[in-house]
Amino acid sequence: FRFITISSYYGHKNLEIIPQVLFILESRGINNVDFVLTLKKEDFEKKIGVHPSIINVGPVKPSECPSLYGECDALFLPTLAECFSASYPEAMIIEKPIITTDLGFARSICVDAAIFYKPMDAISAADAIEKLINDKTLQNTLIENGKEQLKTFDSPEQRASKYLELC
């Protein structure tokens, strides 16, 4: 089961939790989980470190993201702060389940299209991952909920109009 996290390295992305989550999953006998990251080589080596279940493909162009999502089973976004992450709607469009932090911004974007876990809690994240990989019905439900959630987002024209109204 492959999780994608498309992101540059920033402290608030909390990517350092990934090796901890893998350690917990492995201690439970779950050895079929990989994480795919898109970090610069130096950030990956310095902040994450080498692990056989963490695949760093390096930075990718936006045009390459759909195929990268297609090679993975779900989105894992351990972020602690976002004004708006494109990763959530991208995962919904590509029909991938989402696991992310239980924070207001994530809940307001994903609503019922994600499994939420306690921020900075590797055990809670591992629990969410275990739940998702063992429940195909849940995976499909999250995907369907994501498709519905996409319908609630403003179009680019609507967003532009709202910005102009504020100005």
Protein backbone atom coordinates (compact mmCIF):
# COMPACT_ATOMS: atom_id res chain seq x y z
CA PHE A 1 0.00 0.00 0.00
CA ARG A 2 1.65 3.23 -1.15
CA PHE A 3 1.00 6.64 0.33
CA ILE A 4 1.91 9.79 -1.57
CA THR A 5 2.95 13.08 0.02
CA ILE A 6 3.62 15.73 -2.62
CA SER A 7 5.41 18.54 -0.85
CA SER A 8 8.60 20.49 -0.48
CA TYR A 9 10.20 20.37 2.94
CA TYR A 10 8.82 22.82 5.49
CA GLY A 11 8.79 22.27 9.25
CA HIS A 12 5.00 22.66 9.45
CA LYS A 13 4.53 19.76 7.03
CA ASN A 14 5.63 17.42 9.86
CA LEU A 15 7.15 14.91 7.47
CA GLU A 16 9.49 13.69 10.19
CA ILE A 17 6.59 11.68 11.58
CA ILE A 18 6.75 9.24 8.67
CA PRO A 19 9.71 7.13 9.91
CA GLN A 20 8.04 6.97 13.34
CA VAL A 21 4.79 5.79 11.77
CA LEU A 22 6.64 3.12 9.80
CA PHE A 23 8.37 1.90 12.96
CA ILE A 24 4.99 1.51 14.70
CA LEU A 25 3.43 -0.26 11.70
CA GLU A 26 6.42 -2.61 11.43
CA SER A 27 6.19 -3.38 15.17
CA ARG A 28 2.59 -4.47 14.48
CA GLY A 29 3.73 -6.77 11.68
CA ILE A 30 2.54 -4.43 8.93
CA ASN A 31 5.36 -4.42 6.40
CA ASN A 32 3.47 -3.69 3.19
CA VAL A 33 3.34 0.13 3.47
CA ASP A 34 5.52 2.54 1.49
CA PHE A 35 5.61 6.32 1.50
CA VAL A 36 6.46 8.25 -1.66
CA LEU A 37 7.89 11.74 -1.08
CA THR A 38 8.90 14.56 -3.42
CA LEU A 39 11.68 16.24 -1.46
CA LYS A 40 14.99 17.66 -2.56
CA LYS A 41 17.68 15.05 -1.94
CA GLU A 42 19.42 17.14 0.74
CA ASP A 43 16.16 17.78 2.64
CA PHE A 44 15.26 14.10 2.46
CA GLU A 45 18.63 12.93 3.76
CA LYS A 46 18.85 15.59 6.48
CA LYS A 47 15.25 15.63 7.73
CA ILE A 48 13.82 12.17 6.98
CA GLY A 49 16.72 9.77 6.52
CA VAL A 50 17.02 6.56 4.61
CA HIS A 51 14.39 3.90 5.18
CA PRO A 52 13.55 1.03 2.81
CA SER A 53 9.84 1.92 2.89
CA ILE A 54 10.33 5.61 2.09
CA ILE A 55 10.81 6.38 -1.58
CA ASN A 56 11.92 9.90 -2.41
CA VAL A 57 11.39 10.70 -6.09
CA GLY A 58 12.60 14.28 -5.72
CA PRO A 59 10.74 17.41 -6.77
CA VAL A 60 8.15 16.90 -9.50
CA LYS A 61 6.53 19.26 -11.96
CA PRO A 62 2.80 19.85 -11.51
CA SER A 63 2.19 18.07 -14.82
CA GLU A 64 3.80 14.93 -13.36
CA CYS A 65 1.61 14.83 -10.25
CA PRO A 66 -1.37 12.94 -11.73
CA SER A 67 0.76 9.99 -12.78
CA LEU A 68 2.49 9.96 -9.40
CA TYR A 69 -0.88 9.90 -7.64
CA GLY A 70 -1.88 7.11 -10.02
CA GLU A 71 1.03 4.97 -8.83
CA CYS A 72 -0.06 5.32 -5.19
CA ASP A 73 -3.06 4.13 -3.21
CA ALA A 74 -3.76 7.10 -0.91
CA LEU A 75 -2.64 10.55 0.21
CA PHE A 76 -0.90 10.95 3.56
CA LEU A 77 -0.60 14.60 4.61
CA PRO A 78 0.74 15.06 8.16
CA THR A 79 0.72 18.86 7.92
CA LEU A 80 0.20 21.09 10.95
CA ALA A 81 -0.69 24.33 9.15
CA GLU A 82 -2.06 25.21 5.72
CA CYS A 83 -3.94 28.13 4.25
CA PHE A 84 -5.02 25.76 1.50
CA SER A 85 -3.25 22.70 0.23
CA ALA A 86 -3.82 21.60 -3.35
CA SER A 87 -3.07 18.05 -2.21
CA TYR A 88 -6.56 17.49 -0.80
CA PRO A 89 -8.54 18.35 -3.95
CA GLU A 90 -5.88 16.70 -6.13
CA ALA A 91 -6.35 13.43 -4.24
CA MET A 92 -10.12 13.79 -4.54
CA ILE A 93 -9.91 14.40 -8.30
CA ILE A 94 -7.55 11.43 -8.79
CA GLU A 95 -9.87 9.36 -6.53
CA LYS A 96 -7.47 8.56 -3.71
CA PRO A 97 -8.43 8.19 -0.05
CA ILE A 98 -6.90 10.76 2.31
CA ILE A 99 -5.31 10.45 5.74
CA THR A 100 -4.46 13.76 7.37
CA THR A 101 -4.26 15.63 10.64
CA ASP A 102 -7.36 16.39 12.68
CA LEU A 103 -7.10 20.15 12.43
CA GLY A 104 -9.68 22.76 11.48
CA PHE A 105 -8.28 23.63 8.07
CA ALA A 106 -8.10 19.95 7.06
CA ARG A 107 -11.62 19.21 8.31
CA SER A 108 -13.04 22.27 6.54
CA ILE A 109 -11.57 21.16 3.20
CA CYS A 110 -11.98 17.38 3.45
CA VAL A 111 -15.12 17.15 5.62
CA ASP A 112 -15.95 13.41 5.42
CA ALA A 113 -13.50 12.60 2.60
CA ALA A 114 -10.59 11.78 4.93
CA ILE A 115 -9.53 9.82 7.95
CA PHE A 116 -8.24 12.27 10.52
CA TYR A 117 -5.64 11.51 13.16
CA LYS A 118 -4.30 13.39 16.17
CA PRO A 119 -1.59 15.82 14.99
CA MET A 120 2.02 14.87 15.81
CA ASP A 121 0.86 11.51 17.18
CA ALA A 122 2.56 8.70 15.27
CA ILE A 123 0.43 6.05 16.99
CA SER A 124 -2.76 7.81 15.94
CA ALA A 125 -1.42 8.11 12.36
CA ALA A 126 -0.46 4.41 12.33
CA ASP A 127 -3.95 3.51 13.61
CA ALA A 128 -5.51 5.51 10.77
CA ILE A 129 -3.26 3.84 8.19
CA GLU A 130 -3.99 0.37 9.54
CA LYS A 131 -7.71 1.10 9.47
CA LEU A 132 -7.57 2.30 5.87
CA ILE A 133 -5.43 -0.47 4.41
CA ASN A 134 -7.61 -3.15 6.03
CA ASP A 135 -10.97 -1.76 4.89
CA LYS A 136 -11.67 -1.60 1.14
CA THR A 137 -15.21 -0.37 1.82
CA LEU A 138 -13.81 2.57 3.80
CA GLN A 139 -11.39 3.34 0.95
CA ASN A 140 -14.28 3.46 -1.53
CA THR A 141 -16.44 5.53 0.81
CA LEU A 142 -13.68 8.14 1.22
CA ILE A 143 -13.23 8.29 -2.54
CA GLU A 144 -16.97 8.79 -3.12
CA ASN A 145 -17.11 11.41 -0.36
CA GLY A 146 -14.18 13.18 -2.01
CA LYS A 147 -16.02 13.33 -5.32
CA GLU A 148 -18.98 14.93 -3.56
CA GLN A 149 -16.76 17.35 -1.66
CA LEU A 150 -15.21 18.57 -4.92
CA LYS A 151 -18.63 19.85 -5.94
CA THR A 152 -18.61 22.29 -3.01
CA PHE A 153 -15.40 24.09 -4.04
CA ASP A 154 -15.59 27.39 -5.87
CA SER A 155 -14.57 27.58 -9.50
CA PRO A 156 -11.60 29.81 -10.39
CA GLU A 157 -14.08 32.42 -11.64
CA GLN A 158 -16.03 32.33 -8.35
CA ARG A 159 -12.82 32.69 -6.33
CA ALA A 160 -11.70 35.64 -8.46
CA SER A 161 -15.08 37.28 -8.01
CA LYS A 162 -14.86 36.87 -4.24
CA TYR A 163 -11.35 38.36 -4.20
CA LEU A 164 -12.56 41.35 -6.20
CA GLU A 165 -15.49 41.84 -3.83
CA LEU A 166 -13.08 41.92 -0.90
CA CYS A 167 -10.88 44.48 -2.66
